[in-house]
């Protein structure tokens, strides 16, 4: 840790007013606590009575604390401690730090738990096997540099991002869409979409189907989204996927009726109670947040949906006007014919 001190200090934007020994002690204690927590979660069967893991509320509290932007420990610090632990324990060596972190944070991920099976299958990690210690240490040391993870919050963000590269077609000018209720009244059907990527939203104009991946809304969701958005806002070179998603959902969800509609179609898993709370969450999420106006990830789908909605609205207006005009003429003709019959004279009938 002494060797890393200067690098760690440079990772923070503000000056850290701690003496060298105090600062290094903090890094070691905080880092070891986090690793111990991750490793015990990996060995859940052995630690069922653990004073932290056995209490769901305490685990969730710690998870929320570990994803606060202001609480982050540089990822390379955890990586270094994990490498040191590898040398003394073959079981620890067989687990990857990223895998351990993913398993620990599964409880507050925005995806449904079953969609997070990339690294964790049937309760067992895909263990690395038959690699000598030197190779494992080399892999651990290179992982942080190659994946570019800054800290745990950044790691959690990476776990939500699209796995395949995005094209320029996905990005463009920001366009706010109509609410889910309004779109549904215009015959747009909402269906459950991909369960592997939160941002994989699709609109098919031929069938008028909008497929949206499911999202879990719990008491942890607002904190997670706010910190992910804050991270994106504080890094100019960072893609604004979460910010764009929040803006898209803010357009879809205007009232509790919109939440109920999306719940009915399995898109929202509501763990916080009344639909009003979910609507309020999304409606307040972007206060004092800068939306990427010229690099909006959902630009293509927003434009396509709004184009259909505007055409449909114009068509409905035309039909309404036509029906109103015809109704007036029809009513007038009925009155004329009624008047001529009453007079019952050849001249009037003519």
Protein backbone atom coordinates (compact mmCIF):
# COMPACT_ATOMS: atom_id res chain seq x y z
CA UNK A 1 0.00 0.00 0.00
CA UNK A 2 2.93 2.33 0.69
CA UNK A 3 4.02 1.88 -2.91
CA UNK A 4 0.52 2.81 -4.11
CA UNK A 5 -0.01 5.81 -1.85
CA UNK A 6 0.82 8.55 -4.35
CA UNK A 7 -1.24 6.92 -7.10
CA UNK A 8 -4.22 6.58 -4.76
CA UNK A 9 -4.07 10.22 -3.67
CA UNK A 10 -4.06 11.32 -7.31
CA UNK A 11 -7.24 9.30 -7.89
CA UNK A 12 -9.29 11.75 -5.80
CA UNK A 13 -10.30 15.21 -6.97
CA UNK A 14 -10.00 16.78 -3.51
CA UNK A 15 -7.03 16.98 -1.16
CA UNK A 16 -6.96 14.19 1.43
CA UNK A 17 -5.97 15.63 4.78
CA UNK A 18 -4.49 12.46 6.30
CA UNK A 19 -0.91 11.73 7.24
CA UNK A 20 0.87 8.98 5.35
CA UNK A 21 0.52 6.29 8.04
CA UNK A 22 -3.15 7.14 8.69
CA UNK A 23 -3.94 7.11 4.99
CA UNK A 24 -2.23 3.76 4.35
CA UNK A 25 -3.90 2.22 7.40
CA UNK A 26 -7.31 3.36 6.08
CA UNK A 27 -6.63 1.79 2.66
CA UNK A 28 -5.61 -1.54 4.20
CA UNK A 29 -8.52 -1.76 6.67
CA UNK A 30 -11.22 -0.62 4.22
CA UNK A 31 -9.84 -2.77 1.42
CA UNK A 32 -9.55 -5.90 3.57
CA UNK A 33 -13.06 -5.40 4.96
CA UNK A 34 -14.49 -5.24 1.42
CA UNK A 35 -12.56 -8.33 0.26
CA UNK A 36 -13.54 -10.30 3.37
CA UNK A 37 -17.17 -9.35 2.75
CA UNK A 38 -16.98 -10.52 -0.87
CA UNK A 39 -15.24 -13.79 0.01
CA UNK A 40 -17.74 -14.64 2.75
CA UNK A 41 -20.61 -14.01 0.36
CA UNK A 42 -18.94 -16.42 -2.06
CA UNK A 43 -18.86 -19.06 0.72
CA UNK A 44 -22.44 -18.38 1.79
CA UNK A 45 -23.03 -21.94 3.07
CA UNK A 46 -20.17 -21.56 5.55
CA UNK A 47 -21.23 -18.11 6.73
CA UNK A 48 -25.00 -18.39 7.17
CA UNK A 49 -24.66 -17.14 10.75
CA UNK A 50 -22.40 -14.24 9.83
CA UNK A 51 -23.55 -11.11 11.75
CA UNK A 52 -23.63 -9.09 8.53
CA UNK A 53 -24.64 -11.56 5.82
CA UNK A 54 -27.35 -13.22 7.92
CA UNK A 55 -29.22 -9.92 8.15
CA UNK A 56 -30.60 -8.84 4.78
CA UNK A 57 -31.17 -5.25 5.87
CA UNK A 58 -27.54 -4.90 7.00
CA UNK A 59 -26.16 -6.34 3.76
CA UNK A 60 -28.34 -3.96 1.74
CA UNK A 61 -27.20 -1.01 3.88
CA UNK A 62 -23.55 -1.87 3.24
CA UNK A 63 -24.21 -2.36 -0.49
CA UNK A 64 -25.77 1.10 -0.69
CA UNK A 65 -22.84 2.53 1.22
CA UNK A 66 -20.30 0.90 -1.10
CA UNK A 67 -21.89 2.39 -4.24
CA UNK A 68 -21.90 5.99 -3.01
CA UNK A 69 -19.74 8.02 -5.37
CA UNK A 70 -18.02 9.78 -2.48
CA UNK A 71 -17.14 6.46 -0.77
CA UNK A 72 -15.14 4.83 -3.54
CA UNK A 73 -11.82 3.08 -3.05
CA UNK A 74 -9.70 2.79 -6.24
CA UNK A 75 -10.20 -0.61 -7.84
CA UNK A 76 -6.45 -1.19 -8.14
CA UNK A 77 -6.20 -1.10 -4.33
CA UNK A 78 -8.61 -4.02 -4.02
CA UNK A 79 -6.84 -5.73 -6.89
CA UNK A 80 -3.47 -5.46 -5.14
CA UNK A 81 -4.83 -6.85 -1.88
CA UNK A 82 -6.50 -9.71 -3.75
CA UNK A 83 -3.17 -10.60 -5.40
CA UNK A 84 -1.51 -10.73 -1.99
CA UNK A 85 -4.29 -12.97 -0.68
CA UNK A 86 -3.88 -15.28 -3.68
CA UNK A 87 -0.39 -16.23 -2.54
CA UNK A 88 -1.59 -17.73 0.68
CA UNK A 89 -4.82 -19.46 -0.32
CA UNK A 90 -5.54 -21.61 -3.37
CA UNK A 91 -9.33 -21.27 -2.98
CA UNK A 92 -9.15 -17.47 -2.94
CA UNK A 93 -6.83 -17.62 -5.91
CA UNK A 94 -9.46 -19.53 -7.91
CA UNK A 95 -11.96 -16.67 -7.72
CA UNK A 96 -11.81 -13.49 -9.77
CA UNK A 97 -12.32 -10.13 -8.03
CA UNK A 98 -14.84 -8.96 -10.64
CA UNK A 99 -16.81 -12.19 -10.20
CA UNK A 100 -16.82 -11.78 -6.42
CA UNK A 101 -18.06 -8.19 -6.69
CA UNK A 102 -20.81 -9.14 -9.13
CA UNK A 103 -22.08 -11.86 -6.83
CA UNK A 104 -22.11 -9.50 -3.84
CA UNK A 105 -23.98 -6.70 -5.66
CA UNK A 106 -26.57 -8.96 -7.31
CA UNK A 107 -29.13 -7.97 -4.69
CA UNK A 108 -29.28 -4.34 -5.81
CA UNK A 109 -28.77 -4.74 -9.56
CA UNK A 110 -31.46 -3.22 -11.78
CA UNK A 111 -31.78 -6.46 -13.76
CA UNK A 112 -33.68 -9.40 -12.44
CA UNK A 113 -31.38 -11.83 -10.58
CA UNK A 114 -31.85 -14.62 -13.14
CA UNK A 115 -30.47 -12.40 -15.88
CA UNK A 116 -27.11 -12.08 -14.14
CA UNK A 117 -25.93 -15.59 -14.87
CA UNK A 118 -22.95 -14.67 -17.01
CA UNK A 119 -20.48 -15.35 -14.23
CA UNK A 120 -22.55 -17.27 -11.73
CA UNK A 121 -24.39 -20.49 -12.67
CA UNK A 122 -26.45 -22.69 -10.34
CA UNK A 123 -24.79 -21.14 -7.29
CA UNK A 124 -21.25 -21.96 -8.41
CA UNK A 125 -18.60 -19.77 -9.97
CA UNK A 126 -16.87 -20.99 -13.08
CA UNK A 127 -13.60 -21.62 -11.29
CA UNK A 128 -10.28 -21.01 -12.97
CA UNK A 129 -8.42 -24.29 -13.10
CA UNK A 130 -4.92 -25.65 -13.68
CA UNK A 131 -3.30 -22.22 -13.87
CA UNK A 132 -0.11 -21.77 -11.92
CA UNK A 133 0.20 -18.98 -9.37
CA UNK A 134 2.39 -16.83 -11.60
CA UNK A 135 -0.18 -16.89 -14.41
CA UNK A 136 -3.03 -16.10 -12.03
CA UNK A 137 -1.21 -13.13 -10.54
CA UNK A 138 -0.45 -11.86 -14.05
CA UNK A 139 -4.15 -12.16 -14.99
CA UNK A 140 -5.26 -10.32 -11.86
CA UNK A 141 -2.77 -7.51 -12.40
CA UNK A 142 -3.71 -7.00 -16.03
CA UNK A 143 -7.48 -7.17 -15.47
CA UNK A 144 -7.82 -3.72 -13.91
CA UNK A 145 -5.86 -2.04 -16.69
CA UNK A 146 -7.61 -3.85 -19.54
CA UNK A 147 -11.17 -3.33 -18.32
CA UNK A 148 -10.56 0.22 -17.09
CA UNK A 149 -12.66 -0.06 -13.92
CA UNK A 150 -12.06 2.88 -11.62
CA UNK A 151 -13.85 1.57 -8.53
CA UNK A 152 -16.81 -0.56 -7.39
CA UNK A 153 -19.46 1.91 -8.59
CA UNK A 154 -17.84 1.93 -12.01
CA UNK A 155 -17.78 -1.89 -11.94
CA UNK A 156 -21.51 -2.05 -11.14
CA UNK A 157 -22.12 0.36 -14.02
CA UNK A 158 -20.09 -1.86 -16.38
CA UNK A 159 -22.24 -4.85 -15.38
CA UNK A 160 -25.28 -3.00 -16.75
CA UNK A 161 -23.75 -1.80 -20.03
CA UNK A 162 -24.42 -3.42 -23.43
CA UNK A 163 -22.01 -6.26 -24.09
CA UNK A 164 -21.87 -5.61 -27.84
CA UNK A 165 -20.48 -2.34 -29.25
CA UNK A 166 -23.08 0.33 -29.99
CA UNK A 167 -23.29 2.00 -33.39
CA UNK A 168 -23.70 5.67 -34.22
CA UNK A 169 -27.31 4.91 -35.24
CA UNK A 170 -28.18 4.52 -31.56
CA UNK A 171 -26.99 8.03 -30.73
CA UNK A 172 -28.44 11.36 -31.83
CA UNK A 173 -30.49 14.32 -30.64
CA UNK A 174 -32.56 14.02 -27.50
CA UNK A 175 -36.29 13.68 -28.09
CA UNK A 176 -38.80 13.22 -25.31
CA UNK A 177 -41.47 10.62 -25.95
CA UNK A 178 -45.11 10.52 -24.89
CA UNK A 179 -46.20 8.62 -21.82
CA UNK A 180 -46.85 4.88 -21.86
CA UNK A 181 -50.61 5.49 -21.43
CA UNK A 182 -50.73 7.90 -24.38
CA UNK A 183 -48.72 5.55 -26.58
CA UNK A 184 -50.93 2.64 -25.57
CA UNK A 185 -54.03 4.62 -26.54
CA UNK A 186 -52.35 5.13 -29.92
CA UNK A 187 -52.17 1.29 -30.20
CA UNK A 188 -48.53 0.84 -29.16
CA UNK A 189 -48.19 -2.48 -27.33
CA UNK A 190 -45.69 -2.89 -24.49
CA UNK A 191 -43.97 -6.25 -24.12
CA UNK A 192 -41.25 -7.77 -22.00
CA UNK A 193 -37.88 -7.41 -23.71
CA UNK A 194 -34.36 -8.76 -23.25
CA UNK A 195 -33.43 -9.86 -19.76
CA UNK A 196 -29.69 -9.50 -20.30
CA UNK A 197 -29.32 -5.77 -20.98
CA UNK A 198 -31.34 -2.94 -19.46
CA UNK A 199 -30.73 -0.67 -22.46
CA UNK A 200 -31.91 -3.09 -25.14
CA UNK A 201 -35.21 -1.30 -25.87
CA UNK A 202 -36.76 -2.09 -29.27
CA UNK A 203 -39.71 -0.61 -31.19
CA UNK A 204 -41.13 -2.46 -34.20
CA UNK A 205 -43.21 -0.09 -36.35
CA UNK A 206 -44.82 -2.92 -38.35
CA UNK A 207 -46.38 -4.55 -35.27
CA UNK A 208 -46.38 -1.43 -33.03
CA UNK A 209 -44.60 -3.38 -30.30
CA UNK A 210 -42.20 -1.78 -27.85
CA UNK A 211 -40.07 -4.34 -26.04
CA UNK A 212 -38.51 -3.09 -22.81
CA UNK A 213 -36.21 -5.13 -20.54
CA UNK A 214 -37.52 -5.66 -17.00
CA UNK A 215 -36.28 -3.41 -14.20
CA UNK A 216 -36.47 -4.07 -10.47
CA UNK A 217 -37.59 -1.08 -8.39
CA UNK A 218 -36.76 -1.42 -4.70
CA UNK A 219 -35.69 0.82 -1.84
CA UNK A 220 -32.11 0.62 -3.22
CA UNK A 221 -32.96 1.67 -6.81
CA UNK A 222 -33.05 5.44 -6.43
CA UNK A 223 -29.68 5.53 -4.65
CA UNK A 224 -28.09 3.28 -7.28
CA UNK A 225 -29.45 5.27 -10.22
CA UNK A 226 -28.51 8.62 -8.69
CA UNK A 227 -24.93 7.52 -8.04
CA UNK A 228 -24.54 5.97 -11.50
CA UNK A 229 -25.85 9.19 -13.07
CA UNK A 230 -23.59 11.29 -10.81
CA UNK A 231 -20.61 9.22 -11.95
CA UNK A 232 -21.52 9.77 -15.62
CA UNK A 233 -22.03 13.48 -15.03
CA UNK A 234 -18.63 13.87 -13.38
CA UNK A 235 -16.71 12.18 -16.22
CA UNK A 236 -16.85 13.99 -19.57
CA UNK A 237 -15.31 11.02 -21.39
CA UNK A 238 -17.85 8.57 -20.01
CA UNK A 239 -20.80 7.29 -22.07
CA UNK A 240 -24.13 8.48 -20.66
CA UNK A 241 -26.10 5.23 -20.90
CA UNK A 242 -27.74 5.43 -17.46
CA UNK A 243 -28.57 9.13 -17.85
CA UNK A 244 -30.20 8.44 -21.23
CA UNK A 245 -32.15 5.50 -19.79
CA UNK A 246 -33.46 7.65 -16.92
CA UNK A 247 -34.56 10.33 -19.42
CA UNK A 248 -36.30 7.76 -21.62
CA UNK A 249 -38.17 6.23 -18.68
CA UNK A 250 -39.04 9.70 -17.36
CA UNK A 251 -40.83 10.32 -20.65
CA UNK A 252 -42.69 7.01 -20.48
CA UNK A 253 -43.68 7.39 -16.83
CA UNK A 254 -45.66 10.55 -16.10
CA UNK A 255 -48.35 9.23 -13.77
CA UNK A 256 -49.12 6.13 -11.66
CA UNK A 257 -51.26 4.86 -14.57
CA UNK A 258 -48.12 4.54 -16.67
CA UNK A 259 -46.45 2.53 -13.91
CA UNK A 260 -49.47 0.24 -13.63
CA UNK A 261 -49.44 -0.35 -17.39
CA UNK A 262 -45.75 -1.29 -17.39
CA UNK A 263 -46.23 -3.44 -14.28
CA UNK A 264 -49.09 -5.28 -15.95
CA UNK A 265 -46.79 -6.16 -18.85
CA UNK A 266 -44.00 -7.40 -16.59
CA UNK A 267 -41.62 -4.54 -17.38
CA UNK A 268 -41.53 -3.08 -13.85
CA UNK A 269 -41.03 -5.27 -10.78
CA UNK A 270 -42.33 -2.98 -8.06
CA UNK A 271 -40.91 -3.75 -4.61
CA UNK A 272 -41.59 -0.35 -3.05
CA UNK A 273 -45.39 -0.41 -2.97
CA UNK A 274 -47.69 2.13 -4.55
CA UNK A 275 -47.22 3.05 -8.24
CA UNK A 276 -47.11 6.71 -7.16
CA UNK A 277 -43.71 6.09 -5.55
CA UNK A 278 -42.26 4.65 -8.76
CA UNK A 279 -43.60 7.55 -10.82
CA UNK A 280 -42.16 10.03 -8.32
CA UNK A 281 -38.78 8.27 -8.43
CA UNK A 282 -38.37 8.69 -12.20
CA UNK A 283 -39.92 12.18 -12.30
CA UNK A 284 -37.39 13.55 -9.79
CA UNK A 285 -34.35 11.56 -10.90
CA UNK A 286 -33.08 14.08 -13.44
CA UNK A 287 -33.41 17.26 -11.41
CA UNK A 288 -30.24 19.34 -11.92
CA UNK A 289 -28.89 16.69 -14.34
CA UNK A 290 -27.60 17.52 -17.82
CA UNK A 291 -29.17 15.25 -20.44
CA UNK A 292 -26.90 14.48 -23.43
CA UNK A 293 -28.88 16.52 -25.99
CA UNK A 294 -26.72 15.60 -29.01
CA UNK A 295 -25.54 12.16 -27.93
CA UNK A 296 -28.72 10.55 -26.68
CA UNK A 297 -28.54 6.75 -26.76
CA UNK A 298 -32.28 6.25 -27.36
CA UNK A 299 -32.50 8.88 -30.10
CA UNK A 300 -33.40 6.42 -32.87
CA UNK A 301 -36.22 4.66 -31.05
CA UNK A 302 -37.59 7.93 -29.61
CA UNK A 303 -37.75 9.50 -33.06
CA UNK A 304 -39.42 6.43 -34.57
CA UNK A 305 -42.04 6.18 -31.81
CA UNK A 306 -42.84 9.90 -31.90
CA UNK A 307 -43.07 9.88 -35.68
CA UNK A 308 -45.70 7.14 -35.49
CA UNK A 309 -47.53 8.88 -32.63
CA UNK A 310 -47.71 12.22 -34.45
CA UNK A 311 -48.96 10.56 -37.66
CA UNK A 312 -51.56 8.61 -35.71
CA UNK A 313 -52.66 11.72 -33.80
CA UNK A 314 -52.99 13.68 -37.07
CA UNK A 315 -54.97 10.83 -38.62
CA UNK A 316 -57.29 10.66 -35.60
CA UNK A 317 -57.90 14.42 -35.81
CA UNK A 318 -58.75 14.17 -39.51
CA UNK A 319 -61.19 11.34 -38.87
CA UNK A 320 -62.78 13.29 -36.04
CA UNK A 321 -63.22 16.37 -38.20
CA UNK A 322 -64.61 14.32 -41.07
CA UNK A 323 -67.04 12.48 -38.82
CA UNK A 324 -68.16 15.77 -37.25
CA UNK A 325 -68.78 17.38 -40.65
CA UNK A 326 -70.68 14.38 -41.98
CA UNK A 327 -72.75 14.21 -38.79
CA UNK A 328 -73.75 17.84 -39.19
CA UNK A 329 -74.76 17.33 -42.87
CA UNK A 330 -76.63 14.14 -42.05
CA UNK A 331 -78.54 15.88 -39.24
CA UNK A 332 -79.40 18.79 -41.53
CA UNK A 333 -80.74 16.46 -44.27
CA UNK A 334 -82.90 14.62 -41.71
CA UNK A 335 -84.44 17.89 -40.62
CA UNK A 336 -85.17 18.90 -44.26
CA UNK A 337 -86.83 15.58 -45.09
CA UNK A 338 -88.79 15.69 -41.85
CA UNK A 339 -90.02 19.19 -42.69
CA UNK A 340 -91.12 18.23 -46.24
CA UNK A 341 -93.06 15.18 -45.03
CA UNK A 342 -94.98 17.28 -42.54
CA UNK A 343 -96.07 19.69 -45.24
CA UNK A 344 -97.14 16.68 -47.40
CA UNK A 345 -97.52 18.64 -50.57
CA UNK A 346 -96.19 17.87 -54.08
CA UNK A 347 -94.28 21.20 -54.10
CA UNK A 348 -92.65 20.63 -50.75
CA UNK A 349 -91.78 17.00 -51.58
CA UNK A 350 -90.20 18.20 -54.79
